[in-house]
N, C-alpha and C. Protein backbone atom coordinates (compact mmCIF):
# COMPACT_ATOMS: atom_id res chain seq x y z
N MET A 1 115.56 117.98 80.14
CA MET A 1 114.86 117.01 80.93
C MET A 1 115.53 116.99 82.37
N LEU A 2 116.84 117.31 82.42
CA LEU A 2 117.47 117.31 83.68
C LEU A 2 116.93 118.39 84.68
N SER A 3 116.55 119.47 84.07
CA SER A 3 115.97 120.57 84.88
C SER A 3 114.57 120.16 85.40
N PHE A 4 113.89 119.36 84.52
CA PHE A 4 112.58 118.86 85.08
C PHE A 4 112.71 117.90 86.20
N LEU A 5 113.75 117.06 86.11
CA LEU A 5 113.97 116.05 87.17
C LEU A 5 114.49 116.62 88.47
N SER A 6 115.16 117.82 88.35
CA SER A 6 115.73 118.42 89.56
C SER A 6 114.83 119.54 90.11
N ILE A 7 113.62 119.65 89.51
CA ILE A 7 112.74 120.70 89.85
C ILE A 7 112.32 120.75 91.37
N TRP A 8 112.33 119.60 92.02
CA TRP A 8 111.89 119.50 93.44
C TRP A 8 112.93 120.14 94.33
N VAL A 9 114.13 120.32 93.86
CA VAL A 9 115.22 120.93 94.66
C VAL A 9 115.08 122.44 94.67
N TRP A 10 114.74 123.07 93.59
CA TRP A 10 114.77 124.50 93.49
C TRP A 10 113.43 125.26 93.34
N LEU A 11 112.38 124.50 93.26
CA LEU A 11 111.05 125.12 93.11
C LEU A 11 110.12 124.54 94.17
N SER A 12 109.31 125.43 94.77
CA SER A 12 108.36 125.01 95.78
C SER A 12 107.33 124.00 95.25
N TRP A 13 106.95 123.07 96.08
CA TRP A 13 106.09 121.91 95.64
C TRP A 13 104.74 122.37 95.06
N GLU A 14 104.26 123.57 95.53
CA GLU A 14 102.99 124.06 94.95
C GLU A 14 103.13 124.41 93.49
N TYR A 15 104.25 125.03 93.17
CA TYR A 15 104.54 125.37 91.77
C TYR A 15 104.81 124.11 90.89
N ILE A 16 105.47 123.15 91.58
CA ILE A 16 105.71 121.89 90.91
C ILE A 16 104.40 121.22 90.47
N ALA A 17 103.43 121.27 91.39
CA ALA A 17 102.13 120.66 91.07
C ALA A 17 101.47 121.35 89.89
N VAL A 18 101.60 122.68 89.80
CA VAL A 18 101.02 123.43 88.68
C VAL A 18 101.73 123.08 87.47
N VAL A 19 103.09 123.04 87.48
CA VAL A 19 103.89 122.72 86.31
C VAL A 19 103.53 121.25 85.83
N GLY A 20 103.38 120.37 86.81
CA GLY A 20 103.08 118.98 86.43
C GLY A 20 101.68 118.90 85.71
N LEU A 21 100.73 119.67 86.25
CA LEU A 21 99.32 119.66 85.59
C LEU A 21 99.39 120.26 84.23
N VAL A 22 100.14 121.36 84.11
CA VAL A 22 100.30 121.96 82.73
C VAL A 22 100.94 121.07 81.75
N TYR A 23 101.98 120.27 82.28
CA TYR A 23 102.70 119.27 81.45
C TYR A 23 101.69 118.20 80.96
N ILE A 24 100.90 117.66 81.90
CA ILE A 24 99.98 116.64 81.54
C ILE A 24 98.94 117.14 80.47
N VAL A 25 98.36 118.32 80.75
CA VAL A 25 97.46 118.90 79.82
C VAL A 25 97.99 119.14 78.47
N PHE A 26 99.23 119.62 78.44
CA PHE A 26 99.91 119.87 77.16
C PHE A 26 100.19 118.64 76.41
N GLU A 27 100.63 117.59 77.13
CA GLU A 27 100.90 116.28 76.47
C GLU A 27 99.63 115.66 75.95
N GLU A 28 98.55 115.81 76.69
CA GLU A 28 97.23 115.22 76.19
C GLU A 28 96.71 116.00 75.02
N THR A 29 96.80 117.34 75.03
CA THR A 29 96.20 118.07 73.94
C THR A 29 97.01 118.06 72.63
N CYS A 30 98.32 118.06 72.79
CA CYS A 30 99.19 118.09 71.62
C CYS A 30 99.72 116.70 71.26
N ASN A 31 99.29 115.69 71.93
CA ASN A 31 99.74 114.29 71.72
C ASN A 31 101.27 114.17 71.78
N GLY A 32 101.81 114.85 72.77
CA GLY A 32 103.28 114.73 72.93
C GLY A 32 103.92 116.12 72.75
N CYS A 33 105.17 116.16 72.79
CA CYS A 33 105.94 117.36 72.64
C CYS A 33 106.04 117.81 71.25
N LEU A 34 105.82 119.07 70.99
CA LEU A 34 105.86 119.59 69.65
C LEU A 34 107.31 119.53 69.07
N LEU A 35 108.33 119.63 69.88
CA LEU A 35 109.69 119.56 69.39
C LEU A 35 109.99 118.18 68.98
N SER A 36 109.47 117.12 69.69
CA SER A 36 109.72 115.73 69.31
C SER A 36 108.98 115.44 68.02
N HIS A 37 107.84 115.97 67.87
CA HIS A 37 107.10 115.73 66.59
C HIS A 37 107.92 116.28 65.45
N TYR A 38 108.46 117.49 65.64
CA TYR A 38 109.25 118.05 64.54
C TYR A 38 110.59 117.28 64.32
N GLN A 39 111.23 116.93 65.38
CA GLN A 39 112.54 116.31 65.27
C GLN A 39 112.48 114.88 64.71
N PHE A 40 111.44 114.16 65.02
CA PHE A 40 111.34 112.80 64.55
C PHE A 40 110.31 112.57 63.44
N LYS A 41 109.95 113.61 62.70
CA LYS A 41 108.93 113.45 61.65
C LYS A 41 109.33 112.60 60.50
N ASP A 42 110.67 112.50 60.30
CA ASP A 42 111.17 111.74 59.10
C ASP A 42 111.44 110.27 59.55
N LYS A 43 111.26 109.96 60.80
CA LYS A 43 111.53 108.58 61.27
C LYS A 43 110.39 107.66 60.87
N GLU A 44 110.57 106.34 61.06
CA GLU A 44 109.52 105.37 60.72
C GLU A 44 108.31 105.49 61.65
N THR A 45 108.48 105.93 62.85
CA THR A 45 107.38 106.18 63.78
C THR A 45 107.41 107.67 64.17
N GLU A 46 106.34 108.38 63.80
CA GLU A 46 106.29 109.81 64.08
C GLU A 46 106.07 110.11 65.53
N ASN A 47 105.59 109.21 66.36
CA ASN A 47 105.36 109.49 67.74
C ASN A 47 106.53 109.07 68.70
N THR A 48 107.75 109.02 68.13
CA THR A 48 108.90 108.74 68.96
C THR A 48 109.15 109.96 69.88
N LYS A 49 109.43 109.69 71.07
CA LYS A 49 109.72 110.68 72.06
C LYS A 49 111.24 110.83 72.34
N PHE A 50 111.61 112.00 72.80
CA PHE A 50 113.10 112.23 72.96
C PHE A 50 113.64 111.28 74.00
N TYR A 51 113.01 110.97 75.08
CA TYR A 51 113.49 110.07 76.06
C TYR A 51 113.58 108.62 75.54
N GLU A 52 112.68 108.24 74.62
CA GLU A 52 112.83 106.97 73.98
C GLU A 52 114.02 106.88 73.06
N TRP A 53 114.32 107.99 72.37
CA TRP A 53 115.44 107.98 71.51
C TRP A 53 116.70 107.90 72.29
N CYS A 54 116.79 108.63 73.49
CA CYS A 54 117.97 108.56 74.35
C CYS A 54 118.20 107.16 74.87
N LEU A 55 117.12 106.49 75.35
CA LEU A 55 117.26 105.16 75.88
C LEU A 55 117.71 104.15 74.80
N GLU A 56 117.19 104.37 73.57
CA GLU A 56 117.70 103.48 72.50
C GLU A 56 119.13 103.69 72.13
N LYS A 57 119.54 104.90 72.21
CA LYS A 57 121.00 105.23 71.93
C LYS A 57 121.91 104.58 72.91
N ILE A 58 121.53 104.49 74.21
CA ILE A 58 122.44 103.88 75.24
C ILE A 58 122.14 102.41 75.38
N GLY A 59 121.18 101.89 74.60
CA GLY A 59 121.00 100.45 74.58
C GLY A 59 120.07 99.91 75.65
N ILE A 60 119.22 100.70 76.23
CA ILE A 60 118.28 100.19 77.27
C ILE A 60 117.03 99.78 76.53
N HIS A 61 116.55 98.52 76.82
CA HIS A 61 115.33 98.09 76.20
C HIS A 61 114.17 98.30 77.22
N TYR A 62 113.03 98.66 76.72
CA TYR A 62 111.91 99.05 77.54
C TYR A 62 110.60 98.67 76.88
N ASN A 63 109.51 98.63 77.71
CA ASN A 63 108.18 98.49 77.15
C ASN A 63 107.69 99.90 76.89
N ARG A 64 107.34 100.19 75.67
CA ARG A 64 107.08 101.53 75.25
C ARG A 64 105.75 102.08 75.93
N GLU A 65 104.74 101.23 76.12
CA GLU A 65 103.52 101.58 76.73
C GLU A 65 103.76 101.98 78.21
N TYR A 66 104.44 101.14 78.91
CA TYR A 66 104.76 101.39 80.33
C TYR A 66 105.58 102.64 80.52
N LEU A 67 106.57 102.85 79.66
CA LEU A 67 107.44 104.02 79.74
C LEU A 67 106.60 105.28 79.49
N PHE A 68 105.73 105.24 78.47
CA PHE A 68 104.87 106.33 78.16
C PHE A 68 103.97 106.73 79.36
N ILE A 69 103.32 105.72 79.97
CA ILE A 69 102.47 105.99 81.12
C ILE A 69 103.25 106.55 82.28
N PHE A 70 104.45 106.02 82.55
CA PHE A 70 105.27 106.37 83.65
C PHE A 70 105.69 107.88 83.51
N VAL A 71 106.19 108.22 82.30
CA VAL A 71 106.75 109.54 82.11
C VAL A 71 105.56 110.63 82.07
N ARG A 72 104.44 110.26 81.54
CA ARG A 72 103.38 111.22 81.43
C ARG A 72 102.55 111.40 82.69
N TYR A 73 102.36 110.38 83.45
CA TYR A 73 101.49 110.52 84.62
C TYR A 73 102.24 110.36 85.99
N TYR A 74 103.10 109.34 86.08
CA TYR A 74 103.71 109.01 87.37
C TYR A 74 104.90 109.94 87.67
N LEU A 75 105.71 110.32 86.74
CA LEU A 75 106.87 111.16 86.97
C LEU A 75 106.52 112.49 87.56
N PRO A 76 105.51 113.22 87.07
CA PRO A 76 105.17 114.47 87.68
C PRO A 76 104.62 114.27 89.13
N LEU A 77 103.89 113.15 89.38
CA LEU A 77 103.45 112.83 90.70
C LEU A 77 104.62 112.62 91.65
N VAL A 78 105.58 111.83 91.17
CA VAL A 78 106.79 111.54 91.96
C VAL A 78 107.49 112.85 92.30
N LEU A 79 107.66 113.75 91.36
CA LEU A 79 108.36 115.02 91.66
C LEU A 79 107.64 115.88 92.66
N VAL A 80 106.28 115.87 92.58
CA VAL A 80 105.53 116.65 93.60
C VAL A 80 105.72 115.99 94.95
N LEU A 81 105.65 114.67 95.06
CA LEU A 81 105.88 114.00 96.30
C LEU A 81 107.24 114.15 96.90
N LEU A 82 108.26 114.19 96.03
CA LEU A 82 109.61 114.49 96.51
C LEU A 82 109.68 115.89 97.06
N GLY A 83 109.06 116.85 96.35
CA GLY A 83 108.99 118.25 96.79
C GLY A 83 108.35 118.32 98.20
N ILE A 84 107.20 117.73 98.36
CA ILE A 84 106.48 117.78 99.58
C ILE A 84 107.30 117.13 100.69
N PHE A 85 107.91 115.98 100.46
CA PHE A 85 108.69 115.31 101.46
C PHE A 85 109.91 116.12 101.91
N PHE A 86 110.68 116.56 100.96
CA PHE A 86 111.97 117.23 101.32
C PHE A 86 111.81 118.69 101.75
N GLN A 87 110.63 119.26 101.39
CA GLN A 87 110.41 120.72 101.75
C GLN A 87 109.53 120.89 102.93
N ASN A 88 108.65 119.94 103.22
CA ASN A 88 107.72 120.17 104.35
C ASN A 88 107.86 119.07 105.42
N ILE A 89 107.89 117.82 105.05
CA ILE A 89 107.97 116.71 106.05
C ILE A 89 109.29 116.69 106.75
N VAL A 90 110.36 116.59 105.97
CA VAL A 90 111.77 116.67 106.43
C VAL A 90 112.38 117.88 105.76
N PRO A 91 112.24 119.01 106.38
CA PRO A 91 112.66 120.28 105.73
C PRO A 91 114.19 120.38 105.59
N ILE A 92 114.74 119.60 104.64
CA ILE A 92 116.13 119.58 104.39
C ILE A 92 116.48 120.68 103.33
N ILE A 93 115.53 120.83 102.39
CA ILE A 93 115.77 121.74 101.24
C ILE A 93 114.84 122.99 101.37
N LYS A 94 115.41 124.13 101.16
CA LYS A 94 114.59 125.32 101.02
C LYS A 94 114.66 125.76 99.56
N PRO A 95 113.50 125.72 98.92
CA PRO A 95 113.49 126.03 97.48
C PRO A 95 113.82 127.49 97.26
N LEU A 96 114.32 127.74 96.02
CA LEU A 96 114.67 129.11 95.67
C LEU A 96 113.39 129.97 95.39
N PHE A 97 112.41 129.32 94.82
CA PHE A 97 111.12 130.06 94.41
C PHE A 97 109.99 129.35 95.06
């Protein structure tokens, strides 16, 4: 997940937009990450996500629906906007790819 959050530093924003769209389509078609489905299949809720599990481990309470919408739709948009801002508007960062 850390590589996904730092993607705006090392990848051009055009590629970030494509990766974000692929992520959203994958999440919609598979109803979440396949690894999370496999990892949490024995739990009481089969649709537990890895980021939910991490937040519960460190004791952060959250609204599950809002977190789901933020991670699936808004986080890719925020990463694209960060890429556009730091690569084109204020060209501080030159991406590797």
